């Protein structure tokens, strides 16, 4: 909010402040992944298997399939369709764990979903690209 009135004036942060802020920004993803990894709970995975599977399948298979088919029907082909499919089938964001935990939600479930979608996205995107090439969409 403080930056909004300053932006039109073209005032820039001093290099030291900008670099310090960049260092902090570079730490956020690794820190979020460390917190997520530390919160993995395989016992909770057993107890929440249905929710974890539903969220992971929805994130990696159902939504990417529906949107990729819709985009293909709209005429998207080649690189454009491939990039769209990759973006849509990306794993759940590591920041979602932090938000769930801050809001008092089921942080163990969020961590498990992030882990499953991270590992699963490699397999799913490989299969999807192979299928798309086989169908002549890429």
N, C-alpha and C. Protein backbone atom coordinates (compact mmCIF):
# COMPACT_ATOMS: atom_id res chain seq x y z
N UNK A 1 0.83 -1.19 0.00
CA UNK A 1 0.00 0.00 0.00
C UNK A 1 0.87 1.25 0.00
N UNK A 2 1.99 1.19 0.72
CA UNK A 2 2.85 2.36 0.77
C UNK A 2 3.50 2.65 -0.57
N UNK A 3 3.69 1.60 -1.38
CA UNK A 3 4.35 1.78 -2.66
C UNK A 3 3.46 2.38 -3.73
N UNK A 4 2.14 2.29 -3.57
CA UNK A 4 1.25 2.78 -4.61
C UNK A 4 1.41 4.27 -4.90
N UNK A 5 1.45 5.14 -3.90
CA UNK A 5 1.63 6.55 -4.23
C UNK A 5 3.04 6.89 -4.72
N UNK A 6 4.01 6.06 -4.39
CA UNK A 6 5.39 6.34 -4.77
C UNK A 6 5.69 5.85 -6.19
N UNK A 7 5.00 4.83 -6.64
CA UNK A 7 5.27 4.23 -7.95
C UNK A 7 5.20 5.24 -9.10
N UNK A 8 4.17 6.06 -9.19
CA UNK A 8 4.12 7.00 -10.32
C UNK A 8 5.26 8.03 -10.30
N UNK A 9 5.85 8.26 -9.15
CA UNK A 9 6.93 9.24 -9.05
C UNK A 9 8.25 8.70 -9.56
N UNK A 10 8.33 7.38 -9.74
CA UNK A 10 9.56 6.77 -10.27
C UNK A 10 10.68 6.67 -9.26
N UNK A 11 10.37 6.77 -7.99
CA UNK A 11 11.39 6.67 -6.95
C UNK A 11 11.75 5.20 -6.77
N UNK A 12 13.03 4.88 -6.79
CA UNK A 12 13.47 3.49 -6.62
C UNK A 12 14.09 3.29 -5.26
N UNK A 13 14.02 2.05 -4.79
CA UNK A 13 14.67 1.69 -3.53
C UNK A 13 16.18 1.76 -3.70
N UNK A 14 16.90 2.07 -2.64
CA UNK A 14 18.36 1.99 -2.71
C UNK A 14 18.78 0.55 -3.03
N UNK A 15 19.90 0.38 -3.70
CA UNK A 15 20.36 -0.93 -4.13
C UNK A 15 20.48 -1.90 -2.97
N UNK A 16 20.92 -1.45 -1.82
CA UNK A 16 21.07 -2.32 -0.65
C UNK A 16 19.71 -2.85 -0.21
N UNK A 17 18.71 -1.99 -0.17
CA UNK A 17 17.37 -2.42 0.24
C UNK A 17 16.76 -3.37 -0.79
N UNK A 18 16.94 -3.07 -2.07
CA UNK A 18 16.40 -3.92 -3.13
C UNK A 18 17.05 -5.30 -3.09
N UNK A 19 18.37 -5.35 -2.90
CA UNK A 19 19.07 -6.63 -2.85
C UNK A 19 18.67 -7.43 -1.61
N UNK A 20 18.50 -6.75 -0.49
CA UNK A 20 18.06 -7.44 0.73
C UNK A 20 16.67 -8.03 0.54
N UNK A 21 15.79 -7.28 -0.07
CA UNK A 21 14.44 -7.78 -0.33
C UNK A 21 14.49 -8.97 -1.30
N UNK A 22 15.38 -8.93 -2.27
CA UNK A 22 15.52 -10.04 -3.21
C UNK A 22 16.02 -11.30 -2.51
N UNK A 23 16.98 -11.14 -1.59
CA UNK A 23 17.45 -12.29 -0.82
C UNK A 23 16.30 -12.93 -0.04
N UNK A 24 15.48 -12.10 0.57
CA UNK A 24 14.34 -12.59 1.33
C UNK A 24 13.35 -13.32 0.40
N UNK A 25 13.09 -12.75 -0.76
CA UNK A 25 12.17 -13.37 -1.72
C UNK A 25 12.70 -14.71 -2.20
N UNK A 26 14.01 -14.81 -2.38
CA UNK A 26 14.61 -16.07 -2.84
C UNK A 26 14.52 -17.18 -1.79
N UNK A 27 14.35 -16.81 -0.53
CA UNK A 27 14.25 -17.80 0.55
C UNK A 27 12.85 -18.37 0.72
N UNK A 28 11.83 -17.72 0.18
CA UNK A 28 10.46 -18.13 0.50
C UNK A 28 10.11 -19.51 -0.02
N UNK A 29 10.41 -19.84 -1.27
CA UNK A 29 10.04 -21.16 -1.78
C UNK A 29 10.79 -22.28 -1.08
N UNK A 30 12.13 -22.21 -0.94
CA UNK A 30 12.80 -23.29 -0.21
C UNK A 30 12.30 -23.44 1.23
N UNK A 31 12.02 -22.33 1.87
CA UNK A 31 11.52 -22.39 3.25
C UNK A 31 10.14 -23.04 3.29
N UNK A 32 9.28 -22.69 2.35
CA UNK A 32 7.94 -23.30 2.29
C UNK A 32 8.05 -24.80 2.03
N UNK A 33 8.96 -25.20 1.16
CA UNK A 33 9.12 -26.63 0.87
C UNK A 33 9.70 -27.37 2.08
N UNK A 34 10.60 -26.75 2.81
CA UNK A 34 11.12 -27.37 4.03
C UNK A 34 10.02 -27.57 5.07
N UNK A 35 9.19 -26.55 5.25
CA UNK A 35 8.09 -26.66 6.21
C UNK A 35 7.11 -27.74 5.77
N UNK A 36 6.83 -27.80 4.49
CA UNK A 36 5.91 -28.81 3.97
C UNK A 36 6.49 -30.20 4.19
N UNK A 37 7.75 -30.40 3.85
CA UNK A 37 8.40 -31.69 4.03
C UNK A 37 8.44 -32.11 5.48
N UNK A 38 8.67 -31.17 6.37
CA UNK A 38 8.73 -31.48 7.79
C UNK A 38 7.35 -31.86 8.33
N UNK A 39 6.29 -31.42 7.64
CA UNK A 39 4.94 -31.70 8.11
C UNK A 39 4.30 -32.92 7.47
N UNK A 40 5.04 -33.60 6.59
CA UNK A 40 4.48 -34.81 5.99
C UNK A 40 4.15 -35.80 7.09
N UNK A 41 2.98 -36.34 7.02
CA UNK A 41 2.51 -37.28 8.04
C UNK A 41 1.86 -38.46 7.34
N UNK A 42 2.60 -39.58 7.28
CA UNK A 42 2.10 -40.73 6.56
C UNK A 42 0.91 -41.38 7.27
N UNK A 43 0.83 -41.22 8.57
CA UNK A 43 -0.34 -41.72 9.30
C UNK A 43 -1.57 -40.92 8.90
N UNK A 44 -1.39 -39.60 8.76
CA UNK A 44 -2.50 -38.75 8.31
C UNK A 44 -2.87 -39.07 6.87
N UNK A 45 -1.88 -39.48 6.07
CA UNK A 45 -2.15 -39.85 4.68
C UNK A 45 -3.09 -41.05 4.63
N UNK A 46 -2.87 -42.01 5.52
CA UNK A 46 -3.77 -43.17 5.58
C UNK A 46 -5.18 -42.73 5.98
N UNK A 47 -5.25 -41.88 6.97
CA UNK A 47 -6.55 -41.44 7.46
C UNK A 47 -7.28 -40.53 6.49
N UNK A 48 -6.54 -39.80 5.71
CA UNK A 48 -7.12 -38.85 4.75
C UNK A 48 -6.90 -39.30 3.31
N UNK A 49 -6.82 -40.60 3.10
CA UNK A 49 -6.50 -41.13 1.77
C UNK A 49 -7.52 -40.69 0.73
N UNK A 50 -8.79 -40.72 1.09
CA UNK A 50 -9.83 -40.33 0.13
C UNK A 50 -9.69 -38.86 -0.27
N UNK A 51 -9.50 -37.99 0.71
CA UNK A 51 -9.36 -36.56 0.40
C UNK A 51 -8.07 -36.28 -0.37
N UNK A 52 -6.98 -36.93 0.02
CA UNK A 52 -5.72 -36.74 -0.67
C UNK A 52 -5.81 -37.21 -2.11
N UNK A 53 -6.40 -38.38 -2.32
CA UNK A 53 -6.54 -38.92 -3.67
C UNK A 53 -7.45 -38.05 -4.52
N UNK A 54 -8.56 -37.60 -3.96
CA UNK A 54 -9.49 -36.77 -4.72
C UNK A 54 -8.84 -35.45 -5.14
N UNK A 55 -8.15 -34.82 -4.20
CA UNK A 55 -7.50 -33.55 -4.52
C UNK A 55 -6.38 -33.74 -5.54
N UNK A 56 -5.60 -34.80 -5.37
CA UNK A 56 -4.47 -35.04 -6.27
C UNK A 56 -4.94 -35.43 -7.67
N UNK A 57 -5.94 -36.31 -7.75
CA UNK A 57 -6.47 -36.70 -9.06
C UNK A 57 -7.14 -35.51 -9.75
N UNK A 58 -7.86 -34.72 -8.99
CA UNK A 58 -8.47 -33.53 -9.57
C UNK A 58 -7.44 -32.56 -10.11
N UNK A 59 -6.38 -32.37 -9.33
CA UNK A 59 -5.33 -31.42 -9.69
C UNK A 59 -4.50 -31.91 -10.87
N UNK A 60 -4.21 -33.20 -10.91
CA UNK A 60 -3.29 -33.74 -11.92
C UNK A 60 -3.97 -34.36 -13.14
N UNK A 61 -5.20 -34.83 -13.00
CA UNK A 61 -5.82 -35.56 -14.10
C UNK A 61 -7.11 -34.89 -14.60
N UNK A 62 -8.07 -34.70 -13.71
CA UNK A 62 -9.40 -34.26 -14.13
C UNK A 62 -9.37 -32.86 -14.74
N UNK A 63 -8.90 -31.88 -13.99
CA UNK A 63 -8.90 -30.50 -14.48
C UNK A 63 -8.01 -30.33 -15.72
N UNK A 64 -6.77 -30.85 -15.72
CA UNK A 64 -5.96 -30.72 -16.94
C UNK A 64 -6.58 -31.39 -18.16
N UNK A 65 -7.23 -32.53 -17.97
CA UNK A 65 -7.87 -33.22 -19.09
C UNK A 65 -9.01 -32.39 -19.67
N UNK A 66 -9.88 -31.91 -18.80
CA UNK A 66 -11.02 -31.12 -19.25
C UNK A 66 -10.56 -29.84 -19.97
N UNK A 67 -9.63 -29.13 -19.36
CA UNK A 67 -9.20 -27.86 -19.95
C UNK A 67 -8.39 -28.09 -21.23
N UNK A 68 -7.56 -29.13 -21.27
CA UNK A 68 -6.78 -29.41 -22.48
C UNK A 68 -7.70 -29.83 -23.62
N UNK A 69 -8.69 -30.65 -23.36
CA UNK A 69 -9.66 -31.03 -24.40
C UNK A 69 -10.43 -29.81 -24.89
N UNK A 70 -10.86 -28.96 -23.95
CA UNK A 70 -11.58 -27.75 -24.34
C UNK A 70 -10.70 -26.85 -25.20
N UNK A 71 -9.43 -26.70 -24.82
CA UNK A 71 -8.52 -25.86 -25.60
C UNK A 71 -8.28 -26.46 -26.98
N UNK A 72 -8.16 -27.79 -27.07
CA UNK A 72 -7.97 -28.44 -28.37
C UNK A 72 -9.21 -28.24 -29.25
N UNK A 73 -10.38 -28.32 -28.64
CA UNK A 73 -11.61 -28.07 -29.40
C UNK A 73 -11.71 -26.63 -29.87
N UNK A 74 -11.10 -25.72 -29.14
CA UNK A 74 -11.09 -24.31 -29.54
C UNK A 74 -10.01 -24.03 -30.59
N UNK A 75 -9.21 -25.03 -30.90
CA UNK A 75 -8.24 -24.87 -31.98
C UNK A 75 -6.79 -24.70 -31.55
N UNK A 76 -6.50 -24.79 -30.28
CA UNK A 76 -5.12 -24.68 -29.83
C UNK A 76 -4.36 -25.95 -30.22
N UNK A 77 -3.16 -25.79 -30.69
CA UNK A 77 -2.33 -26.93 -31.10
C UNK A 77 -0.87 -26.62 -30.78
N UNK A 78 -0.05 -27.64 -30.86
CA UNK A 78 1.40 -27.49 -30.75
C UNK A 78 1.86 -26.98 -29.41
N UNK A 79 2.81 -26.08 -29.48
CA UNK A 79 3.44 -25.53 -28.28
C UNK A 79 2.43 -24.85 -27.35
N UNK A 80 1.48 -24.12 -27.93
CA UNK A 80 0.49 -23.42 -27.10
C UNK A 80 -0.32 -24.40 -26.25
N UNK A 81 -0.77 -25.48 -26.85
CA UNK A 81 -1.55 -26.47 -26.13
C UNK A 81 -0.69 -27.19 -25.10
N UNK A 82 0.56 -27.49 -25.45
CA UNK A 82 1.47 -28.15 -24.52
C UNK A 82 1.77 -27.31 -23.30
N UNK A 83 2.02 -26.02 -23.52
CA UNK A 83 2.31 -25.12 -22.39
C UNK A 83 1.08 -24.98 -21.50
N UNK A 84 -0.08 -24.88 -22.11
CA UNK A 84 -1.32 -24.79 -21.33
C UNK A 84 -1.49 -26.02 -20.46
N UNK A 85 -1.29 -27.20 -21.05
CA UNK A 85 -1.42 -28.44 -20.29
C UNK A 85 -0.41 -28.50 -19.15
N UNK A 86 0.83 -28.09 -19.41
CA UNK A 86 1.85 -28.11 -18.35
C UNK A 86 1.51 -27.16 -17.21
N UNK A 87 1.02 -25.98 -17.55
CA UNK A 87 0.67 -25.02 -16.49
C UNK A 87 -0.50 -25.50 -15.66
N UNK A 88 -1.47 -26.12 -16.30
CA UNK A 88 -2.66 -26.56 -15.57
C UNK A 88 -2.38 -27.80 -14.72
N UNK A 89 -1.45 -28.65 -15.17
CA UNK A 89 -1.17 -29.88 -14.43
C UNK A 89 0.03 -29.74 -13.49
N UNK A 90 0.37 -28.52 -13.15
CA UNK A 90 1.48 -28.30 -12.22
C UNK A 90 1.08 -28.72 -10.81
N UNK A 91 2.06 -29.06 -9.97
CA UNK A 91 1.73 -29.49 -8.61
C UNK A 91 1.11 -28.37 -7.79
N UNK A 92 0.49 -28.77 -6.70
CA UNK A 92 -0.09 -27.79 -5.78
C UNK A 92 1.01 -26.88 -5.25
N UNK A 93 0.69 -25.63 -5.05
CA UNK A 93 1.69 -24.65 -4.63
C UNK A 93 2.14 -24.89 -3.20
N UNK A 94 3.43 -24.75 -2.98
CA UNK A 94 3.98 -24.92 -1.63
C UNK A 94 3.42 -23.88 -0.68
N UNK A 95 3.06 -22.72 -1.20
CA UNK A 95 2.50 -21.67 -0.35
C UNK A 95 1.13 -22.05 0.19
N UNK A 96 0.45 -23.00 -0.45
CA UNK A 96 -0.87 -23.40 0.05
C UNK A 96 -0.76 -24.02 1.44
N UNK A 97 0.35 -24.71 1.71
CA UNK A 97 0.55 -25.28 3.04
C UNK A 97 0.59 -24.17 4.09
N UNK A 98 1.32 -23.13 3.80
CA UNK A 98 1.46 -22.02 4.74
C UNK A 98 0.11 -21.35 4.97
N UNK A 99 -0.65 -21.17 3.91
CA UNK A 99 -1.97 -20.53 4.05
C UNK A 99 -2.92 -21.41 4.86
N UNK A 100 -2.92 -22.73 4.59
CA UNK A 100 -3.80 -23.64 5.33
C UNK A 100 -3.44 -23.64 6.80
N UNK A 101 -2.16 -23.69 7.08
CA UNK A 101 -1.71 -23.69 8.48
C UNK A 101 -2.07 -22.39 9.19
N UNK A 102 -1.89 -21.27 8.50
CA UNK A 102 -2.21 -19.97 9.10
C UNK A 102 -3.71 -19.82 9.37
N UNK A 103 -4.53 -20.48 8.55
CA UNK A 103 -5.97 -20.37 8.71
C UNK A 103 -6.54 -21.44 9.63
N UNK A 104 -5.65 -22.28 10.21
CA UNK A 104 -6.11 -23.29 11.15
C UNK A 104 -6.71 -24.51 10.49
N UNK A 105 -6.38 -24.74 9.22
CA UNK A 105 -6.90 -25.90 8.49
C UNK A 105 -6.06 -27.14 8.73
N UNK A 106 -6.30 -28.16 7.92
CA UNK A 106 -5.62 -29.43 8.04
C UNK A 106 -4.27 -29.35 7.30
N UNK A 107 -3.25 -28.90 8.00
CA UNK A 107 -1.93 -28.67 7.40
C UNK A 107 -1.29 -29.98 6.95
N UNK A 108 -1.52 -31.06 7.68
CA UNK A 108 -0.95 -32.36 7.29
C UNK A 108 -1.54 -32.81 5.95
N UNK A 109 -2.83 -32.61 5.77
CA UNK A 109 -3.47 -32.95 4.50
C UNK A 109 -2.90 -32.10 3.37
N UNK A 110 -2.73 -30.81 3.61
CA UNK A 110 -2.16 -29.93 2.59
C UNK A 110 -0.75 -30.36 2.23
N UNK A 111 0.07 -30.71 3.22
CA UNK A 111 1.44 -31.16 2.96
C UNK A 111 1.43 -32.44 2.14
N UNK A 112 0.54 -33.36 2.47
CA UNK A 112 0.44 -34.62 1.73
C UNK A 112 0.01 -34.37 0.29
N UNK A 113 -0.93 -33.47 0.07
CA UNK A 113 -1.38 -33.15 -1.29
C UNK A 113 -0.24 -32.54 -2.09
N UNK A 114 0.52 -31.66 -1.48
CA UNK A 114 1.66 -31.05 -2.17
C UNK A 114 2.68 -32.12 -2.55
N UNK A 115 2.97 -33.03 -1.64
CA UNK A 115 3.95 -34.09 -1.92
C UNK A 115 3.47 -35.01 -3.04
N UNK A 116 2.22 -35.45 -2.97
CA UNK A 116 1.67 -36.36 -3.98
C UNK A 116 1.63 -35.68 -5.35
N UNK A 117 1.16 -34.44 -5.40
CA UNK A 117 1.08 -33.76 -6.70
C UNK A 117 2.45 -33.42 -7.26
N UNK A 118 3.41 -33.18 -6.38
CA UNK A 118 4.77 -32.90 -6.87
C UNK A 118 5.36 -34.14 -7.52
N UNK A 119 5.25 -35.28 -6.86
CA UNK A 119 5.78 -36.52 -7.45
C UNK A 119 4.93 -36.96 -8.64
N UNK A 120 3.63 -36.86 -8.51
CA UNK A 120 2.73 -37.32 -9.56
C UNK A 120 2.77 -36.49 -10.83
N UNK A 121 3.09 -35.21 -10.71
CA UNK A 121 3.09 -34.36 -11.89
C UNK A 121 4.14 -34.79 -12.91
N UNK A 122 5.24 -35.35 -12.46
CA UNK A 122 6.27 -35.82 -13.38
C UNK A 122 5.72 -36.95 -14.25
N UNK A 123 5.05 -37.88 -13.63
CA UNK A 123 4.48 -39.03 -14.35
C UNK A 123 3.32 -38.58 -15.25
N UNK A 124 2.41 -37.81 -14.68
CA UNK A 124 1.22 -37.41 -15.42
C UNK A 124 1.56 -36.54 -16.62
N UNK A 125 2.46 -35.58 -16.46
CA UNK A 125 2.79 -34.72 -17.59
C UNK A 125 3.53 -35.50 -18.67
N UNK A 126 4.34 -36.46 -18.29
CA UNK A 126 5.02 -37.29 -19.29
C UNK A 126 4.01 -38.10 -20.09
N UNK A 127 3.05 -38.69 -19.42
CA UNK A 127 2.00 -39.46 -20.10
C UNK A 127 1.17 -38.55 -20.99
N UNK A 128 0.82 -37.38 -20.47
CA UNK A 128 -0.02 -36.44 -21.23
C UNK A 128 0.70 -35.97 -22.49
N UNK A 129 1.96 -35.65 -22.40
CA UNK A 129 2.70 -35.19 -23.58
C UNK A 129 2.80 -36.33 -24.60
N UNK A 130 3.05 -37.54 -24.14
CA UNK A 130 3.10 -38.69 -25.05
C UNK A 130 1.77 -38.89 -25.75
N UNK A 131 0.66 -38.80 -25.00
CA UNK A 131 -0.67 -38.94 -25.60
C UNK A 131 -0.96 -37.82 -26.60
N UNK A 132 -0.61 -36.60 -26.23
CA UNK A 132 -0.86 -35.46 -27.12
C UNK A 132 -0.05 -35.60 -28.41
N UNK A 133 1.18 -36.04 -28.31
CA UNK A 133 1.97 -36.27 -29.52
C UNK A 133 1.39 -37.39 -30.36
N UNK A 134 0.95 -38.46 -29.70
CA UNK A 134 0.34 -39.58 -30.42
C UNK A 134 -0.93 -39.18 -31.14
N UNK A 135 -1.68 -38.26 -30.57
CA UNK A 135 -2.93 -37.79 -31.19
C UNK A 135 -2.69 -36.68 -32.20
N UNK A 136 -1.43 -36.26 -32.34
CA UNK A 136 -1.12 -35.20 -33.30
C UNK A 136 -1.47 -33.80 -32.85
N UNK A 137 -1.64 -33.61 -31.54
CA UNK A 137 -1.96 -32.29 -31.01
C UNK A 137 -0.74 -31.44 -30.75
N UNK A 138 0.42 -32.10 -30.69
CA UNK A 138 1.68 -31.38 -30.45
C UNK A 138 2.66 -31.69 -31.53
